[in-house]
Amino acid sequence: MTKPSNRPPAGPQSSGKRDTASNVVRLQTKGPEISNGQRALWTFLGATLVAPFLAAVVIFLASLVFGFVLGRGPSSLLALDPAGKLAWSATKAVETYVWCAIPAGISGAIAAGVVTTTGKLHWLAAASIAAIVASAVAALSGGMLATHITPIAFIAATVAIVLQLLLRRARILT
């Protein structure tokens, strides 16, 4: 039989007492502070990679709702069978992802500049930057995009707010 040791147990415990749950949570959430440059980099990456994906998901779901549930949309959509409607929605989602690359890059660069100087990005600033840039690019492109500036600006602002919330949730932005 072994004798019990008088030494305190190993680990984050102090004076033989166990840590409470609040101390464990405090230890887990405290991490190294990141610089404003790193915050700006992650903001730019989120804006150029995540935001177009979120916009494509919005367009995909909206086209499915309009095509399948409401039975509304362009005649090219309504004339298709269900598999064709799904393919049409997927095509529009991919087109959205590709088209969003330029405005997302410009918006990400502007937002990264704001984050570099302040370390923060307010949700209203994120929405304004995205809506203005998306509207400007849509207007400059002419054609069909120029006739849909309002929904494009709304989707861009909504996606920017969601992205800002995701970056805050990940503790990248303060």
Protein backbone atom coordinates (compact mmCIF):
# COMPACT_ATOMS: atom_id res chain seq x y z
CA MET A 1 0.00 0.00 0.00
CA THR A 2 1.31 3.43 -0.91
CA LYS A 3 1.36 6.39 1.39
CA PRO A 4 -0.56 9.52 0.33
CA SER A 5 1.67 12.39 -0.76
CA ASN A 6 1.75 15.75 1.00
CA ARG A 7 2.44 17.55 -2.27
CA PRO A 8 -0.37 19.58 -3.90
CA PRO A 9 -1.85 18.00 -7.02
CA ALA A 10 -0.33 18.96 -10.37
CA GLY A 11 -2.15 21.27 -12.75
CA PRO A 12 -3.83 24.64 -12.57
CA GLN A 13 -5.02 24.04 -9.03
CA SER A 14 -3.73 26.18 -6.22
CA SER A 15 -3.27 25.23 -2.59
CA GLY A 16 -5.04 21.95 -3.02
CA LYS A 17 -8.37 23.51 -4.05
CA ARG A 18 -10.02 22.77 -7.33
CA ASP A 19 -10.69 25.58 -9.80
CA THR A 20 -14.27 26.67 -10.14
CA ALA A 21 -16.06 26.64 -13.46
CA SER A 22 -15.71 30.40 -13.79
CA ASN A 23 -11.93 30.15 -13.43
CA VAL A 24 -11.80 27.45 -16.09
CA VAL A 25 -13.88 29.56 -18.47
CA ARG A 26 -11.70 32.59 -17.72
CA LEU A 27 -8.57 30.57 -18.47
CA GLN A 28 -10.01 29.25 -21.74
CA THR A 29 -11.20 32.59 -23.11
CA LYS A 30 -8.10 34.58 -22.27
CA GLY A 31 -5.76 34.43 -25.21
CA PRO A 32 -3.03 36.49 -26.74
CA GLU A 33 -4.06 39.95 -27.90
CA ILE A 34 -4.01 40.30 -31.66
CA SER A 35 -2.77 43.44 -33.37
CA ASN A 36 -4.85 45.74 -35.54
CA GLY A 37 -2.92 44.54 -38.58
CA GLN A 38 -3.99 40.96 -37.89
CA ARG A 39 -7.57 42.11 -37.32
CA ALA A 40 -7.45 43.94 -40.66
CA LEU A 41 -6.09 40.86 -42.45
CA TRP A 42 -8.87 38.65 -41.09
CA THR A 43 -11.44 41.31 -41.93
CA PHE A 44 -10.18 41.46 -45.52
CA LEU A 45 -10.13 37.67 -45.83
CA GLY A 46 -13.64 37.42 -44.42
CA ALA A 47 -14.90 40.08 -46.79
CA THR A 48 -13.35 38.50 -49.87
CA LEU A 49 -14.08 34.83 -49.11
CA VAL A 50 -16.98 34.53 -46.68
CA ALA A 51 -19.14 37.45 -47.81
CA PRO A 52 -19.49 36.28 -51.46
CA PHE A 53 -20.35 32.80 -50.18
CA LEU A 54 -23.06 34.21 -47.90
CA ALA A 55 -24.44 36.29 -50.78
CA ALA A 56 -24.52 33.21 -53.01
CA VAL A 57 -26.41 31.28 -50.32
CA VAL A 58 -28.95 34.12 -50.03
CA ILE A 59 -29.49 34.16 -53.81
CA PHE A 60 -29.74 30.37 -53.98
CA LEU A 61 -32.34 30.20 -51.21
CA ALA A 62 -34.29 33.17 -52.55
CA SER A 63 -34.46 31.70 -56.05
CA LEU A 64 -35.61 28.36 -54.62
CA VAL A 65 -38.33 30.06 -52.59
CA PHE A 66 -39.53 32.12 -55.55
CA GLY A 67 -39.28 29.25 -58.04
CA PHE A 68 -40.69 26.38 -55.99
CA VAL A 69 -42.81 27.84 -53.22
CA LEU A 70 -44.24 31.06 -54.65
CA GLY A 71 -44.20 30.10 -58.31
CA ARG A 72 -42.86 33.51 -59.32
CA GLY A 73 -39.81 34.63 -61.19
CA PRO A 74 -38.57 35.05 -64.71
CA SER A 75 -40.26 33.02 -67.43
CA SER A 76 -37.03 31.11 -67.97
CA LEU A 77 -37.34 29.81 -64.39
CA LEU A 78 -41.06 29.07 -64.38
CA ALA A 79 -40.89 27.01 -67.58
CA LEU A 80 -38.47 24.50 -66.03
CA ASP A 81 -39.16 21.22 -64.28
CA PRO A 82 -38.04 20.89 -60.60
CA ALA A 83 -34.57 19.61 -61.51
CA GLY A 84 -34.17 22.46 -63.97
CA LYS A 85 -35.27 24.98 -61.33
CA LEU A 86 -32.66 23.61 -58.95
CA ALA A 87 -29.96 23.85 -61.63
CA TRP A 88 -31.08 27.40 -62.49
CA SER A 89 -30.86 28.39 -58.81
CA ALA A 90 -27.41 26.85 -58.50
CA THR A 91 -26.24 28.67 -61.62
CA LYS A 92 -27.46 32.00 -60.25
CA ALA A 93 -25.68 31.29 -56.95
CA VAL A 94 -22.38 30.62 -58.73
CA GLU A 95 -22.82 33.75 -60.85
CA THR A 96 -23.43 35.72 -57.66
CA TYR A 97 -20.29 34.33 -56.03
CA VAL A 98 -18.19 35.23 -59.06
CA TRP A 99 -19.74 38.68 -59.51
CA CYS A 100 -19.22 39.50 -55.82
CA ALA A 101 -15.44 39.15 -56.04
CA ILE A 102 -14.74 42.71 -57.17
CA PRO A 103 -17.08 44.60 -54.81
CA ALA A 104 -16.12 42.29 -51.94
CA GLY A 105 -12.42 42.98 -52.52
CA ILE A 106 -12.97 46.73 -52.61
CA SER A 107 -15.22 46.64 -49.53
CA GLY A 108 -12.75 44.40 -47.73
CA ALA A 109 -9.88 46.77 -48.45
CA ILE A 110 -11.86 49.76 -47.15
CA ALA A 111 -13.00 47.85 -44.06
CA ALA A 112 -9.43 46.64 -43.44
CA GLY A 113 -8.26 50.25 -43.56
CA VAL A 114 -10.83 51.20 -40.93
CA VAL A 115 -9.86 48.22 -38.76
CA THR A 116 -6.14 49.02 -39.10
CA THR A 117 -6.62 52.50 -37.68
CA THR A 118 -9.24 51.80 -35.01
CA GLY A 119 -9.24 48.06 -34.36
CA LYS A 120 -13.04 48.12 -34.62
CA LEU A 121 -15.69 47.99 -37.30
CA HIS A 122 -19.17 49.14 -36.37
CA TRP A 123 -22.03 47.23 -37.98
CA LEU A 124 -23.38 50.39 -39.59
CA ALA A 125 -19.99 51.17 -41.11
CA ALA A 126 -19.72 47.62 -42.46
CA ALA A 127 -23.21 47.82 -43.99
CA SER A 128 -22.58 51.27 -45.48
CA ILE A 129 -19.26 50.31 -47.05
CA ALA A 130 -20.68 47.15 -48.62
CA ALA A 131 -23.87 48.79 -49.89
CA ILE A 132 -22.08 51.79 -51.40
CA VAL A 133 -19.42 49.72 -53.14
CA ALA A 134 -21.90 47.12 -54.44
CA SER A 135 -24.21 49.86 -55.73
CA ALA A 136 -21.36 51.69 -57.42
CA VAL A 137 -20.05 48.57 -59.13
CA ALA A 138 -23.56 47.57 -60.23
CA ALA A 139 -24.23 51.03 -61.63
CA LEU A 140 -20.90 51.17 -63.44
CA SER A 141 -21.39 47.72 -64.95
CA GLY A 142 -24.57 48.87 -66.67
CA GLY A 143 -26.97 46.42 -68.20
CA MET A 144 -29.21 44.30 -66.03
CA LEU A 145 -27.29 44.87 -62.79
CA ALA A 146 -27.90 48.61 -63.00
CA THR A 147 -31.65 48.03 -62.85
CA HIS A 148 -31.37 46.07 -59.59
CA ILE A 149 -29.27 48.42 -57.46
CA THR A 150 -31.62 48.51 -54.46
CA PRO A 151 -31.80 44.73 -53.85
CA ILE A 152 -28.07 44.44 -54.52
CA ALA A 153 -27.33 47.13 -51.93
CA PHE A 154 -29.71 45.50 -49.41
CA ILE A 155 -28.15 42.05 -49.81
CA ALA A 156 -24.63 43.52 -49.61
CA ALA A 157 -25.48 45.43 -46.42
CA THR A 158 -27.13 42.39 -44.83
CA VAL A 159 -24.18 40.14 -45.68
CA ALA A 160 -21.75 42.74 -44.30
CA ILE A 161 -23.65 42.89 -41.01
CA VAL A 162 -23.60 39.09 -40.73
CA LEU A 163 -19.88 39.04 -41.53
CA GLN A 164 -19.20 41.73 -38.90
CA LEU A 165 -21.13 39.69 -36.34
CA LEU A 166 -19.16 36.56 -37.26
CA LEU A 167 -15.86 38.42 -36.86
CA ARG A 168 -17.00 39.76 -33.49
CA ARG A 169 -18.15 36.30 -32.39
CA ALA A 170 -14.71 34.92 -33.33
CA ARG A 171 -13.16 37.72 -31.22
CA ILE A 172 -11.32 39.15 -34.19
CA LEU A 173 -13.11 42.47 -33.95
CA THR A 174 -13.84 44.18 -30.66
